[in-house]
PDB file of N, CA and C in Angstrom:
ATOM      1  N   UNK A   1     -65.916-151.401-163.478  1.00  0.00           N
ATOM      2  CA  UNK A   1     -66.466-150.101-162.725  1.00  0.00           C
ATOM      3  C   UNK A   1     -67.390-149.363-163.679  1.00  0.00           C
ATOM      4  N   UNK A   2     -68.776-149.274-163.431  1.00  0.00           N
ATOM      5  CA  UNK A   2     -69.666-148.241-164.767  1.00  0.00           C
ATOM      6  C   UNK A   2     -69.290-146.758-164.910  1.00  0.00           C
ATOM      7  N   UNK A   3     -69.065-146.399-165.909  1.00  0.00           N
ATOM      8  CA  UNK A   3     -68.681-145.054-165.979  1.00  0.00           C
ATOM      9  C   UNK A   3     -69.629-144.180-166.077  1.00  0.00           C
ATOM     10  N   UNK A   4     -69.568-143.074-165.397  1.00  0.00           N
ATOM     11  CA  UNK A   4     -70.247-141.869-165.255  1.00  0.00           C
ATOM     12  C   UNK A   4     -71.151-141.017-166.439  1.00  0.00           C
ATOM     13  N   UNK A   5     -72.351-140.914-166.406  1.00  0.00           N
ATOM     14  CA  UNK A   5     -72.924-140.518-167.622  1.00  0.00           C
ATOM     15  C   UNK A   5     -72.578-138.820-167.776  1.00  0.00           C
ATOM     16  N   UNK A   6     -72.264-138.263-168.529  1.00  0.00           N
ATOM     17  CA  UNK A   6     -71.677-136.754-168.646  1.00  0.00           C
ATOM     18  C   UNK A   6     -72.877-136.208-169.338  1.00  0.00           C
ATOM     19  N   UNK A   7     -73.576-135.178-168.733  1.00  0.00           N
ATOM     20  CA  UNK A   7     -74.950-134.475-168.924  1.00  0.00           C
ATOM     21  C   UNK A   7     -74.685-133.835-170.173  1.00  0.00           C
ATOM     22  N   UNK A   8     -75.275-134.063-171.300  1.00  0.00           N
ATOM     23  CA  UNK A   8     -74.875-132.974-172.430  1.00  0.00           C
ATOM     24  C   UNK A   8     -76.003-131.994-172.563  1.00  0.00           C
ATOM     25  N   UNK A   9     -75.611-130.685-173.258  1.00  0.00           N
ATOM     26  CA  UNK A   9     -76.696-129.903-173.607  1.00  0.00           C
ATOM     27  C   UNK A   9     -76.408-128.853-174.628  1.00  0.00           C
ATOM     28  N   UNK A  10     -77.612-128.651-175.383  1.00  0.00           N
ATOM     29  CA  UNK A  10     -77.270-128.110-176.923  1.00  0.00           C
ATOM     30  C   UNK A  10     -77.481-126.484-176.552  1.00  0.00           C
ATOM     31  N   UNK A  11     -76.396-125.777-177.041  1.00  0.00           N
ATOM     32  CA  UNK A  11     -75.910-124.621-177.303  1.00  0.00           C
ATOM     33  C   UNK A  11     -77.262-123.953-178.276  1.00  0.00           C
ATOM     34  N   UNK A  12     -77.822-122.798-177.560  1.00  0.00           N
ATOM     35  CA  UNK A  12     -79.052-122.281-178.491  1.00  0.00           C
ATOM     36  C   UNK A  12     -78.651-121.696-179.953  1.00  0.00           C
ATOM     37  N   UNK A  13     -77.220-121.057-179.864  1.00  0.00           N
ATOM     38  CA  UNK A  13     -76.760-120.408-181.050  1.00  0.00           C
ATOM     39  C   UNK A  13     -76.119-121.280-182.138  1.00  0.00           C
ATOM     40  N   UNK A  14     -75.405-122.292-181.712  1.00  0.00           N
ATOM     41  CA  UNK A  14     -74.599-122.772-182.606  1.00  0.00           C
ATOM     42  C   UNK A  14     -75.432-124.431-183.026  1.00  0.00           C
ATOM     43  N   UNK A  15     -76.475-124.871-182.066  1.00  0.00           N
ATOM     44  CA  UNK A  15     -76.699-125.926-182.269  1.00  0.00           C
ATOM     45  C   UNK A  15     -76.107-127.650-181.782  1.00  0.00           C
ATOM     46  N   UNK A  16     -74.946-126.955-181.619  1.00  0.00           N
ATOM     47  CA  UNK A  16     -74.262-128.217-181.318  1.00  0.00           C
ATOM     48  C   UNK A  16     -74.089-128.453-179.595  1.00  0.00           C
ATOM     49  N   UNK A  17     -74.099-129.836-179.306  1.00  0.00           N
ATOM     50  CA  UNK A  17     -74.020-130.561-178.292  1.00  0.00           C
ATOM     51  C   UNK A  17     -72.769-130.407-177.411  1.00  0.00           C
ATOM     52  N   UNK A  18     -72.501-129.926-176.166  1.00  0.00           N
ATOM     53  CA  UNK A  18     -71.477-129.708-175.492  1.00  0.00           C
ATOM     54  C   UNK A  18     -71.654-130.529-174.057  1.00  0.00           C
ATOM     55  N   UNK A  19     -70.887-130.611-173.512  1.00  0.00           N
ATOM     56  CA  UNK A  19     -70.717-131.268-171.788  1.00  0.00           C
ATOM     57  C   UNK A  19     -71.620-129.851-171.065  1.00  0.00           C
ATOM     58  N   UNK A  20     -72.350-130.142-170.364  1.00  0.00           N
ATOM     59  CA  UNK A  20     -73.227-129.251-169.460  1.00  0.00           C
ATOM     60  C   UNK A  20     -71.897-128.208-168.903  1.00  0.00           C
ATOM     61  N   UNK A  21     -71.266-128.802-168.431  1.00  0.00           N
ATOM     62  CA  UNK A  21     -69.960-127.774-167.406  1.00  0.00           C
ATOM     63  C   UNK A  21     -69.050-126.825-168.775  1.00  0.00           C
ATOM     64  N   UNK A  22     -69.068-127.045-170.030  1.00  0.00           N
ATOM     65  CA  UNK A  22     -68.766-126.122-170.670  1.00  0.00           C
ATOM     66  C   UNK A  22     -69.889-125.182-171.193  1.00  0.00           C
ATOM     67  N   UNK A  23     -70.970-125.249-171.039  1.00  0.00           N
ATOM     68  CA  UNK A  23     -71.750-124.292-171.573  1.00  0.00           C
ATOM     69  C   UNK A  23     -72.361-123.262-170.048  1.00  0.00           C
ATOM     70  N   UNK A  24     -72.882-122.069-170.468  1.00  0.00           N
ATOM     71  CA  UNK A  24     -73.131-121.002-169.464  1.00  0.00           C
ATOM     72  C   UNK A  24     -74.705-121.186-169.591  1.00  0.00           C
ATOM     73  N   UNK A  25     -75.805-120.729-168.498  1.00  0.00           N
ATOM     74  CA  UNK A  25     -76.778-120.974-168.645  1.00  0.00           C
ATOM     75  C   UNK A  25     -77.299-119.650-168.767  1.00  0.00           C
ATOM     76  N   UNK A  26     -78.604-119.246-169.238  1.00  0.00           N
ATOM     77  CA  UNK A  26     -78.963-118.132-169.291  1.00  0.00           C
ATOM     78  C   UNK A  26     -80.487-118.174-168.828  1.00  0.00           C
ATOM     79  N   UNK A  27     -80.745-117.780-167.789  1.00  0.00           N
ATOM     80  CA  UNK A  27     -82.183-117.946-167.118  1.00  0.00           C
ATOM     81  C   UNK A  27     -83.353-116.531-167.161  1.00  0.00           C
ATOM     82  N   UNK A  28     -84.485-117.037-167.557  1.00  0.00           N
ATOM     83  CA  UNK A  28     -85.513-115.970-167.319  1.00  0.00           C
ATOM     84  C   UNK A  28     -86.307-116.359-166.065  1.00  0.00           C
ATOM     85  N   UNK A  29     -86.304-115.638-165.212  1.00  0.00           N
ATOM     86  CA  UNK A  29     -86.757-116.236-163.835  1.00  0.00           C
ATOM     87  C   UNK A  29     -88.330-115.964-163.689  1.00  0.00           C
ATOM     88  N   UNK A  30     -89.000-116.555-162.555  1.00  0.00           N
ATOM     89  CA  UNK A  30     -90.488-116.436-162.562  1.00  0.00           C
ATOM     90  C   UNK A  30     -90.767-114.874-162.448  1.00  0.00           C
ATOM     91  N   UNK A  31     -89.782-113.797-162.133  1.00  0.00           N
ATOM     92  CA  UNK A  31     -90.026-112.645-162.392  1.00  0.00           C
ATOM     93  C   UNK A  31     -89.977-111.941-163.688  1.00  0.00           C
ATOM     94  N   UNK A  32     -89.793-112.538-164.810  1.00  0.00           N
ATOM     95  CA  UNK A  32     -89.553-112.493-165.673  1.00  0.00           C
ATOM     96  C   UNK A  32     -88.089-111.253-166.277  1.00  0.00           C
ATOM     97  N   UNK A  33     -87.186-111.641-165.388  1.00  0.00           N
ATOM     98  CA  UNK A  33     -85.795-111.109-165.019  1.00  0.00           C
ATOM     99  C   UNK A  33     -85.076-112.185-165.961  1.00  0.00           C
ATOM    100  N   UNK A  34     -83.709-111.456-166.734  1.00  0.00           N
ATOM    101  CA  UNK A  34     -82.771-112.753-167.496  1.00  0.00           C
ATOM    102  C   UNK A  34     -81.496-112.400-166.500  1.00  0.00           C
ATOM    103  N   UNK A  35     -81.218-113.285-166.065  1.00  0.00           N
ATOM    104  CA  UNK A  35     -79.779-113.516-165.387  1.00  0.00           C
ATOM    105  C   UNK A  35     -78.854-114.814-165.837  1.00  0.00           C
ATOM    106  N   UNK A  36     -77.852-114.388-165.970  1.00  0.00           N
ATOM    107  CA  UNK A  36     -76.688-115.164-166.070  1.00  0.00           C
ATOM    108  C   UNK A  36     -76.695-116.341-164.858  1.00  0.00           C
ATOM    109  N   UNK A  37     -76.820-117.699-165.203  1.00  0.00           N
ATOM    110  CA  UNK A  37     -76.830-118.586-164.015  1.00  0.00           C
ATOM    111  C   UNK A  37     -75.475-119.621-163.978  1.00  0.00           C
ATOM    112  N   UNK A  38     -74.662-118.903-162.907  1.00  0.00           N
ATOM    113  CA  UNK A  38     -73.228-119.531-162.513  1.00  0.00           C
ATOM    114  C   UNK A  38     -73.105-120.952-161.848  1.00  0.00           C
ATOM    115  N   UNK A  39     -74.143-120.920-161.083  1.00  0.00           N
ATOM    116  CA  UNK A  39     -74.469-122.197-160.719  1.00  0.00           C
ATOM    117  C   UNK A  39     -75.108-123.439-161.093  1.00  0.00           C
ATOM    118  N   UNK A  40     -75.737-123.159-162.198  1.00  0.00           N
ATOM    119  CA  UNK A  40     -76.943-123.960-162.850  1.00  0.00           C
ATOM    120  C   UNK A  40     -77.940-124.683-162.207  1.00  0.00           C
ATOM    121  N   UNK A  41     -78.148-123.574-161.245  1.00  0.00           N
ATOM    122  CA  UNK A  41     -79.487-124.440-160.488  1.00  0.00           C
ATOM    123  C   UNK A  41     -80.377-123.281-160.220  1.00  0.00           C
ATOM    124  N   UNK A  42     -80.404-121.920-160.777  1.00  0.00           N
ATOM    125  CA  UNK A  42     -81.012-121.184-160.518  1.00  0.00           C
ATOM    126  C   UNK A  42     -82.671-121.652-160.926  1.00  0.00           C
ATOM    127  N   UNK A  43     -83.965-121.107-160.239  1.00  0.00           N
ATOM    128  CA  UNK A  43     -85.263-121.391-160.425  1.00  0.00           C
ATOM    129  C   UNK A  43     -85.476-120.486-161.796  1.00  0.00           C
ATOM    130  N   UNK A  44     -86.323-120.718-162.871  1.00  0.00           N
ATOM    131  CA  UNK A  44     -86.773-120.482-164.009  1.00  0.00           C
ATOM    132  C   UNK A  44     -86.675-121.136-165.263  1.00  0.00           C
ATOM    133  N   UNK A  45     -86.728-120.571-166.557  1.00  0.00           N
ATOM    134  CA  UNK A  45     -86.566-121.162-167.846  1.00  0.00           C
ATOM    135  C   UNK A  45     -85.006-120.800-168.335  1.00  0.00           C
ATOM    136  N   UNK A  46     -84.190-121.772-168.482  1.00  0.00           N
ATOM    137  CA  UNK A  46     -82.915-121.808-169.094  1.00  0.00           C
ATOM    138  C   UNK A  46     -82.481-122.075-170.582  1.00  0.00           C
ATOM    139  N   UNK A  47     -81.420-121.541-170.840  1.00  0.00           N
ATOM    140  CA  UNK A  47     -81.084-121.504-172.230  1.00  0.00           C
ATOM    141  C   UNK A  47     -79.576-121.770-172.031  1.00  0.00           C
ATOM    142  N   UNK A  48     -78.444-122.414-172.787  1.00  0.00           N
ATOM    143  CA  UNK A  48     -77.309-122.827-172.533  1.00  0.00           C
ATOM    144  C   UNK A  48     -76.417-122.228-173.859  1.00  0.00           C
ATOM    145  N   UNK A  49     -75.522-121.555-173.534  1.00  0.00           N
ATOM    146  CA  UNK A  49     -74.835-120.955-174.691  1.00  0.00           C
ATOM    147  C   UNK A  49     -73.243-121.457-174.474  1.00  0.00           C
ATOM    148  N   UNK A  50     -72.475-121.598-175.330  1.00  0.00           N
ATOM    149  CA  UNK A  50     -71.300-121.760-175.618  1.00  0.00           C
ATOM    150  C   UNK A  50     -70.546-120.126-175.384  1.00  0.00           C
ATOM    151  N   UNK A  51     -69.481-120.300-173.938  1.00  0.00           N
ATOM    152  CA  UNK A  51     -69.052-119.082-173.494  1.00  0.00           C
ATOM    153  C   UNK A  51     -67.670-118.683-174.512  1.00  0.00           C
ATOM    154  N   UNK A  52     -68.389-118.054-175.554  1.00  0.00           N
ATOM    155  CA  UNK A  52     -67.393-117.831-176.913  1.00  0.00           C
ATOM    156  C   UNK A  52     -67.399-116.468-177.382  1.00  0.00           C
ATOM    157  N   UNK A  53     -66.616-115.786-177.694  1.00  0.00           N
ATOM    158  CA  UNK A  53     -67.113-114.046-178.181  1.00  0.00           C
ATOM    159  C   UNK A  53     -67.472-114.139-179.175  1.00  0.00           C
ATOM    160  N   UNK A  54     -67.488-114.971-180.296  1.00  0.00           N
ATOM    161  CA  UNK A  54     -68.450-115.260-181.467  1.00  0.00           C
ATOM    162  C   UNK A  54     -69.538-115.313-181.135  1.00  0.00           C
ATOM    163  N   UNK A  55     -69.706-116.338-180.586  1.00  0.00           N
ATOM    164  CA  UNK A  55     -71.124-116.947-180.150  1.00  0.00           C
ATOM    165  C   UNK A  55     -72.269-116.058-179.530  1.00  0.00           C
ATOM    166  N   UNK A  56     -71.556-115.333-178.551  1.00  0.00           N
ATOM    167  CA  UNK A  56     -72.524-114.205-177.734  1.00  0.00           C
ATOM    168  C   UNK A  56     -72.431-112.818-178.870  1.00  0.00           C
ATOM    169  N   UNK A  57     -71.759-112.768-179.567  1.00  0.00           N
ATOM    170  CA  UNK A  57     -71.728-111.511-180.793  1.00  0.00           C
ATOM    171  C   UNK A  57     -73.125-112.195-181.425  1.00  0.00           C
ATOM    172  N   UNK A  58     -72.939-113.137-181.565  1.00  0.00           N
ATOM    173  CA  UNK A  58     -73.998-113.656-182.880  1.00  0.00           C
ATOM    174  C   UNK A  58     -75.375-113.715-182.137  1.00  0.00           C
ATOM    175  N   UNK A  59     -75.333-114.076-180.884  1.00  0.00           N
ATOM    176  CA  UNK A  59     -76.663-114.491-180.157  1.00  0.00           C
ATOM    177  C   UNK A  59     -77.253-112.833-179.939  1.00  0.00           C
ATOM    178  N   UNK A  60     -76.358-112.015-179.890  1.00  0.00           N
ATOM    179  CA  UNK A  60     -77.175-110.528-179.551  1.00  0.00           C
ATOM    180  C   UNK A  60     -77.586-109.784-181.099  1.00  0.00           C
ATOM    181  N   UNK A  61     -76.813-110.444-181.816  1.00  0.00           N
ATOM    182  CA  UNK A  61     -77.254-109.886-183.430  1.00  0.00           C
ATOM    183  C   UNK A  61     -78.688-110.695-183.654  1.00  0.00           C
ATOM    184  N   UNK A  62     -78.687-111.756-183.847  1.00  0.00           N
ATOM    185  CA  UNK A  62     -79.829-112.490-184.138  1.00  0.00           C
ATOM    186  C   UNK A  62     -81.076-112.634-183.156  1.00  0.00           C
ATOM    187  N   UNK A  63     -80.666-112.126-182.010  1.00  0.00           N
ATOM    188  CA  UNK A  63     -81.823-111.813-181.050  1.00  0.00           C
ATOM    189  C   UNK A  63     -82.459-113.463-180.832  1.00  0.00           C
ATOM    190  N   UNK A  64     -81.374-114.872-180.766  1.00  0.00           N
ATOM    191  CA  UNK A  64     -81.582-116.361-180.300  1.00  0.00           C
ATOM    192  C   UNK A  64     -82.349-116.375-178.969  1.00  0.00           C
ATOM    193  N   UNK A  65     -81.776-115.645-177.775  1.00  0.00           N
ATOM    194  CA  UNK A  65     -82.218-115.684-176.511  1.00  0.00           C
ATOM    195  C   UNK A  65     -83.463-115.071-176.412  1.00  0.00           C
ATOM    196  N   UNK A  66     -83.757-114.026-177.408  1.00  0.00           N
ATOM    197  CA  UNK A  66     -85.217-113.223-177.065  1.00  0.00           C
ATOM    198  C   UNK A  66     -86.082-114.267-177.358  1.00  0.00           C
ATOM    199  N   UNK A  67     -85.838-115.067-178.085  1.00  0.00           N
ATOM    200  CA  UNK A  67     -86.973-116.007-178.892  1.00  0.00           C
ATOM    201  C   UNK A  67     -87.120-117.356-177.898  1.00  0.00           C
ATOM    202  N   UNK A  68     -86.030-117.580-177.527  1.00  0.00           N
ATOM    203  CA  UNK A  68     -85.787-118.484-176.705  1.00  0.00           C
ATOM    204  C   UNK A  68     -86.197-118.463-175.746  1.00  0.00           C
ATOM    205  N   UNK A  69     -85.847-117.710-174.566  1.00  0.00           N
ATOM    206  CA  UNK A  69     -86.264-117.167-173.493  1.00  0.00           C
ATOM    207  C   UNK A  69     -87.808-116.425-173.629  1.00  0.00           C
ATOM    208  N   UNK A  70     -88.256-116.129-174.571  1.00  0.00           N
ATOM    209  CA  UNK A  70     -89.484-115.443-174.885  1.00  0.00           C
ATOM    210  C   UNK A  70     -89.827-113.948-173.792  1.00  0.00           C
ATOM    211  N   UNK A  71     -88.510-113.121-174.067  1.00  0.00           N
ATOM    212  CA  UNK A  71     -88.736-112.011-173.008  1.00  0.00           C
ATOM    213  C   UNK A  71     -87.021-111.331-173.780  1.00  0.00           C
ATOM    214  N   UNK A  72     -87.409-109.788-173.838  1.00  0.00           N
ATOM    215  CA  UNK A  72     -86.322-109.307-174.606  1.00  0.00           C
ATOM    216  C   UNK A  72     -85.138-109.311-173.270  1.00  0.00           C
ATOM    217  N   UNK A  73     -84.029-109.691-173.760  1.00  0.00           N
ATOM    218  CA  UNK A  73     -82.598-109.803-173.126  1.00  0.00           C
ATOM    219  C   UNK A  73     -82.347-108.408-173.221  1.00  0.00           C
ATOM    220  N   UNK A  74     -81.907-107.653-171.748  1.00  0.00           N
ATOM    221  CA  UNK A  74     -81.231-106.647-171.868  1.00  0.00           C
ATOM    222  C   UNK A  74     -79.698-106.709-172.365  1.00  0.00           C
ATOM    223  N   UNK A  75     -78.896-105.507-172.682  1.00  0.00           N
ATOM    224  CA  UNK A  75     -77.229-105.844-173.506  1.00  0.00           C
ATOM    225  C   UNK A  75     -76.731-105.933-172.133  1.00  0.00           C
ATOM    226  N   UNK A  76     -76.922-105.814-170.704  1.00  0.00           N
ATOM    227  CA  UNK A  76     -76.390-106.003-169.600  1.00  0.00           C
ATOM    228  C   UNK A  76     -75.731-107.700-169.651  1.00  0.00           C
ATOM    229  N   UNK A  77     -76.839-108.434-170.031  1.00  0.00           N
ATOM    230  CA  UNK A  77     -76.772-109.840-169.822  1.00  0.00           C
ATOM    231  C   UNK A  77     -75.329-109.830-170.697  1.00  0.00           C
ATOM    232  N   UNK A  78     -75.635-109.594-172.007  1.00  0.00           N
ATOM    233  CA  UNK A  78     -74.513-109.639-172.982  1.00  0.00           C
ATOM    234  C   UNK A  78     -73.227-109.246-172.991  1.00  0.00           C
ATOM    235  N   UNK A  79     -72.806-108.048-172.205  1.00  0.00           N
ATOM    236  CA  UNK A  79     -71.847-107.402-171.573  1.00  0.00           C
ATOM    237  C   UNK A  79     -71.136-108.462-170.437  1.00  0.00           C
ATOM    238  N   UNK A  80     -72.450-108.695-169.428  1.00  0.00           N
ATOM    239  CA  UNK A  80     -71.643-109.663-168.562  1.00  0.00           C
ATOM    240  C   UNK A  80     -71.187-110.914-169.248  1.00  0.00           C
ATOM    241  N   UNK A  81     -71.863-111.439-169.849  1.00  0.00           N
ATOM    242  CA  UNK A  81     -71.188-112.830-170.579  1.00  0.00           C
ATOM    243  C   UNK A  81     -69.803-112.412-171.341  1.00  0.00           C
ATOM    244  N   UNK A  82     -69.538-111.112-171.561  1.00  0.00           N
ATOM    245  CA  UNK A  82     -68.282-110.733-172.479  1.00  0.00           C
ATOM    246  C   UNK A  82     -67.433-111.039-171.267  1.00  0.00           C
ATOM    247  N   UNK A  83     -67.826-110.103-170.063  1.00  0.00           N
ATOM    248  CA  UNK A  83     -66.775-110.166-169.173  1.00  0.00           C
ATOM    249  C   UNK A  83     -66.300-111.107-168.460  1.00  0.00           C
ATOM    250  N   UNK A  84     -67.247-112.338-168.500  1.00  0.00           N
ATOM    251  CA  UNK A  84     -67.085-113.395-168.014  1.00  0.00           C
ATOM    252  C   UNK A  84     -65.685-114.337-169.146  1.00  0.00           C
ATOM    253  N   UNK A  85     -65.501-113.517-170.277  1.00  0.00           N
ATOM    254  CA  UNK A  85     -64.663-114.499-171.007  1.00  0.00           C
ATOM    255  C   UNK A  85     -62.923-113.959-170.267  1.00  0.00           C
ATOM    256  N   UNK A  86     -62.915-112.785-169.649  1.00  0.00           N
ATOM    257  CA  UNK A  86     -61.634-112.107-169.315  1.00  0.00           C
ATOM    258  C   UNK A  86     -61.151-112.707-168.144  1.00  0.00           C
TER     259      UNK A  86
END
């Protein structure tokens, strides 16, 4: 029997490849809002990030999500990501 292919995505902060389910997707919607996409199906330009405290803090300090999504990411998004860790 053929084994099912696991979709891989690259973390925008660490540049490492992980299975899609291990990462969280942050989306810039067509209305230029930034949201955390828990379903993985939200409409808009997305960026994947590892859900790890150090990675989230590094993303906030280096503004890598701002550059990737081409919009200023509000602090509420980072706070929501940190809350997801709990």
